[in-house]
Amino acid sequence: MTPQSAQAVGTFLVTPLTRRTESGDYTASVSVRRGMHDRIFRFIQRFDSHALAAHYALDQGRHIALNGAAA
């Protein structure tokens, strides 16, 4: 997994993660951290590029942090 630049969202730190699969496409995950603990969310969707996967993960992480799903 490749971590991207983290972004503060309220009291959370959201970090998108990407991984290239054996077939050449990319998967996306996101770390949503608050304090010493974080949750990792993995997404099923596959992407054609590293940038698209990272963008999707960051958008989803922001949504999770803002809507309380990481609490």
N, C-alpha and C. Protein backbone atom coordinates (compact mmCIF):
# COMPACT_ATOMS: atom_id res chain seq x y z
N MET A 1 0.84 -1.18 0.00
CA MET A 1 0.00 0.00 0.00
C MET A 1 0.88 1.23 0.00
N THR A 2 0.44 2.22 -0.73
CA THR A 2 1.18 3.47 -0.80
C THR A 2 0.37 4.57 -0.13
N PRO A 3 0.86 5.12 0.99
CA PRO A 3 0.13 6.23 1.62
C PRO A 3 0.34 7.52 0.85
N GLN A 4 -0.68 8.32 0.79
CA GLN A 4 -0.62 9.63 0.13
C GLN A 4 -0.58 10.70 1.20
N SER A 5 -0.62 11.95 0.79
CA SER A 5 -0.59 13.03 1.78
C SER A 5 -1.89 13.04 2.58
N ALA A 6 -1.74 13.17 3.89
CA ALA A 6 -2.88 13.17 4.81
C ALA A 6 -3.55 14.53 4.81
N GLN A 7 -4.82 14.54 5.19
CA GLN A 7 -5.60 15.77 5.25
C GLN A 7 -6.39 15.79 6.56
N ALA A 8 -6.31 16.90 7.28
CA ALA A 8 -7.07 17.06 8.51
C ALA A 8 -8.52 17.37 8.16
N VAL A 9 -9.44 16.64 8.80
CA VAL A 9 -10.88 16.86 8.63
C VAL A 9 -11.47 16.89 10.03
N GLY A 10 -11.72 18.09 10.55
CA GLY A 10 -12.18 18.22 11.92
C GLY A 10 -11.12 17.69 12.86
N THR A 11 -11.50 16.74 13.73
CA THR A 11 -10.54 16.15 14.67
C THR A 11 -9.88 14.89 14.10
N PHE A 12 -10.15 14.57 12.85
CA PHE A 12 -9.62 13.36 12.21
C PHE A 12 -8.48 13.69 11.26
N LEU A 13 -7.62 12.72 11.05
CA LEU A 13 -6.59 12.79 10.02
C LEU A 13 -6.92 11.70 9.01
N VAL A 14 -7.18 12.11 7.77
CA VAL A 14 -7.60 11.19 6.71
C VAL A 14 -6.42 10.98 5.77
N THR A 15 -6.03 9.71 5.59
CA THR A 15 -4.91 9.38 4.71
C THR A 15 -5.35 8.34 3.68
N PRO A 16 -5.36 8.72 2.40
CA PRO A 16 -5.70 7.74 1.36
C PRO A 16 -4.55 6.76 1.15
N LEU A 17 -4.89 5.53 0.81
CA LEU A 17 -3.91 4.48 0.55
C LEU A 17 -4.27 3.81 -0.77
N THR A 18 -3.28 3.48 -1.58
CA THR A 18 -3.55 2.79 -2.84
C THR A 18 -2.64 1.58 -2.96
N ARG A 19 -3.07 0.64 -3.78
CA ARG A 19 -2.27 -0.56 -4.03
C ARG A 19 -2.49 -1.00 -5.46
N ARG A 20 -1.42 -1.31 -6.15
CA ARG A 20 -1.53 -1.83 -7.51
C ARG A 20 -1.74 -3.34 -7.44
N THR A 21 -2.72 -3.82 -8.17
CA THR A 21 -3.02 -5.25 -8.17
C THR A 21 -2.19 -5.98 -9.21
N GLU A 22 -2.23 -7.30 -9.17
CA GLU A 22 -1.49 -8.10 -10.15
C GLU A 22 -1.98 -7.86 -11.57
N SER A 23 -3.24 -7.49 -11.72
CA SER A 23 -3.80 -7.25 -13.06
C SER A 23 -3.49 -5.85 -13.57
N GLY A 24 -2.84 -5.01 -12.74
CA GLY A 24 -2.42 -3.69 -13.20
C GLY A 24 -3.34 -2.55 -12.83
N ASP A 25 -4.50 -2.85 -12.27
CA ASP A 25 -5.37 -1.76 -11.83
C ASP A 25 -5.06 -1.44 -10.37
N TYR A 26 -5.78 -0.51 -9.79
CA TYR A 26 -5.49 -0.03 -8.44
C TYR A 26 -6.69 -0.19 -7.53
N THR A 27 -6.41 -0.48 -6.26
CA THR A 27 -7.44 -0.50 -5.23
C THR A 27 -7.22 0.68 -4.30
N ALA A 28 -8.26 1.07 -3.60
CA ALA A 28 -8.19 2.21 -2.70
C ALA A 28 -8.61 1.80 -1.29
N SER A 29 -7.95 2.37 -0.32
CA SER A 29 -8.29 2.24 1.10
C SER A 29 -8.07 3.61 1.72
N VAL A 30 -8.59 3.78 2.93
CA VAL A 30 -8.36 5.05 3.61
C VAL A 30 -8.20 4.79 5.10
N SER A 31 -7.28 5.52 5.71
CA SER A 31 -7.09 5.50 7.15
C SER A 31 -7.75 6.75 7.72
N VAL A 32 -8.63 6.56 8.70
CA VAL A 32 -9.27 7.68 9.39
C VAL A 32 -8.80 7.60 10.84
N ARG A 33 -7.96 8.55 11.22
CA ARG A 33 -7.31 8.52 12.54
C ARG A 33 -7.78 9.66 13.42
N ARG A 34 -7.93 9.33 14.69
CA ARG A 34 -8.18 10.35 15.71
C ARG A 34 -7.39 9.95 16.94
N GLY A 35 -6.44 10.79 17.33
CA GLY A 35 -5.58 10.46 18.46
C GLY A 35 -4.66 9.32 18.11
N MET A 36 -4.64 8.31 18.96
CA MET A 36 -3.74 7.16 18.78
C MET A 36 -4.38 6.02 17.98
N HIS A 37 -5.65 6.13 17.65
CA HIS A 37 -6.37 5.03 17.01
C HIS A 37 -6.81 5.42 15.60
N ASP A 38 -6.80 4.44 14.71
CA ASP A 38 -7.34 4.71 13.38
C ASP A 38 -8.12 3.50 12.90
N ARG A 39 -8.95 3.76 11.91
CA ARG A 39 -9.71 2.70 11.25
C ARG A 39 -9.33 2.72 9.78
N ILE A 40 -9.20 1.54 9.23
CA ILE A 40 -8.89 1.40 7.82
C ILE A 40 -10.15 0.91 7.11
N PHE A 41 -10.52 1.62 6.07
CA PHE A 41 -11.67 1.24 5.25
C PHE A 41 -11.14 0.84 3.87
N ARG A 42 -11.52 -0.35 3.41
CA ARG A 42 -11.11 -0.82 2.08
C ARG A 42 -12.32 -0.79 1.16
N PHE A 43 -12.08 -0.38 -0.07
CA PHE A 43 -13.16 -0.24 -1.05
C PHE A 43 -13.02 -1.30 -2.14
N ILE A 44 -14.14 -1.77 -2.64
CA ILE A 44 -14.18 -2.84 -3.63
C ILE A 44 -13.83 -2.34 -5.03
N GLN A 45 -14.24 -1.14 -5.35
CA GLN A 45 -14.06 -0.59 -6.69
C GLN A 45 -12.60 -0.61 -7.12
N ARG A 46 -12.35 -0.88 -8.41
CA ARG A 46 -11.00 -0.86 -8.99
C ARG A 46 -10.86 0.39 -9.85
N PHE A 47 -9.62 0.87 -9.99
CA PHE A 47 -9.36 2.12 -10.71
C PHE A 47 -8.26 1.92 -11.74
N ASP A 48 -8.31 2.74 -12.79
CA ASP A 48 -7.33 2.67 -13.87
C ASP A 48 -6.00 3.31 -13.50
N SER A 49 -6.01 4.23 -12.54
CA SER A 49 -4.77 4.92 -12.18
C SER A 49 -4.64 5.09 -10.67
N HIS A 50 -3.41 5.28 -10.26
CA HIS A 50 -3.08 5.56 -8.86
C HIS A 50 -3.79 6.83 -8.40
N ALA A 51 -3.79 7.87 -9.23
CA ALA A 51 -4.39 9.16 -8.87
C ALA A 51 -5.90 9.03 -8.65
N LEU A 52 -6.59 8.29 -9.51
CA LEU A 52 -8.03 8.11 -9.35
C LEU A 52 -8.36 7.35 -8.06
N ALA A 53 -7.57 6.34 -7.75
CA ALA A 53 -7.78 5.57 -6.53
C ALA A 53 -7.55 6.44 -5.30
N ALA A 54 -6.49 7.25 -5.30
CA ALA A 54 -6.20 8.12 -4.16
C ALA A 54 -7.28 9.18 -3.98
N HIS A 55 -7.75 9.74 -5.08
CA HIS A 55 -8.81 10.76 -5.02
C HIS A 55 -10.09 10.17 -4.44
N TYR A 56 -10.47 8.99 -4.89
CA TYR A 56 -11.66 8.32 -4.38
C TYR A 56 -11.53 8.04 -2.88
N ALA A 57 -10.37 7.51 -2.47
CA ALA A 57 -10.15 7.20 -1.05
C ALA A 57 -10.24 8.45 -0.19
N LEU A 58 -9.65 9.55 -0.64
CA LEU A 58 -9.69 10.79 0.12
C LEU A 58 -11.12 11.32 0.23
N ASP A 59 -11.86 11.29 -0.86
CA ASP A 59 -13.27 11.73 -0.83
C ASP A 59 -14.09 10.88 0.14
N GLN A 60 -13.91 9.57 0.09
CA GLN A 60 -14.66 8.69 0.98
C GLN A 60 -14.24 8.90 2.44
N GLY A 61 -12.96 9.10 2.67
CA GLY A 61 -12.47 9.35 4.03
C GLY A 61 -13.04 10.63 4.61
N ARG A 62 -13.11 11.68 3.80
CA ARG A 62 -13.72 12.94 4.25
C ARG A 62 -15.18 12.70 4.65
N HIS A 63 -15.89 11.97 3.80
CA HIS A 63 -17.31 11.69 4.07
C HIS A 63 -17.46 10.90 5.38
N ILE A 64 -16.62 9.90 5.57
CA ILE A 64 -16.66 9.09 6.80
C ILE A 64 -16.39 9.96 8.02
N ALA A 65 -15.37 10.80 7.96
CA ALA A 65 -15.00 11.66 9.09
C ALA A 65 -16.09 12.68 9.41
N LEU A 66 -16.67 13.27 8.38
CA LEU A 66 -17.68 14.32 8.59
C LEU A 66 -19.03 13.77 9.04
N ASN A 67 -19.32 12.51 8.73
CA ASN A 67 -20.62 11.94 9.05
C ASN A 67 -20.59 10.97 10.22
N GLY A 68 -19.48 10.92 10.94
CA GLY A 68 -19.42 10.16 12.18
C GLY A 68 -19.29 8.65 12.04
N ALA A 69 -19.03 8.14 10.85
CA ALA A 69 -18.92 6.70 10.68
C ALA A 69 -17.65 6.13 11.29
N ALA A 70 -16.68 6.98 11.60
CA ALA A 70 -15.41 6.50 12.16
C ALA A 70 -15.39 6.54 13.68
N ALA A 71 -16.44 7.02 14.29
CA ALA A 71 -16.46 7.19 15.76
C ALA A 71 -16.53 5.89 16.50
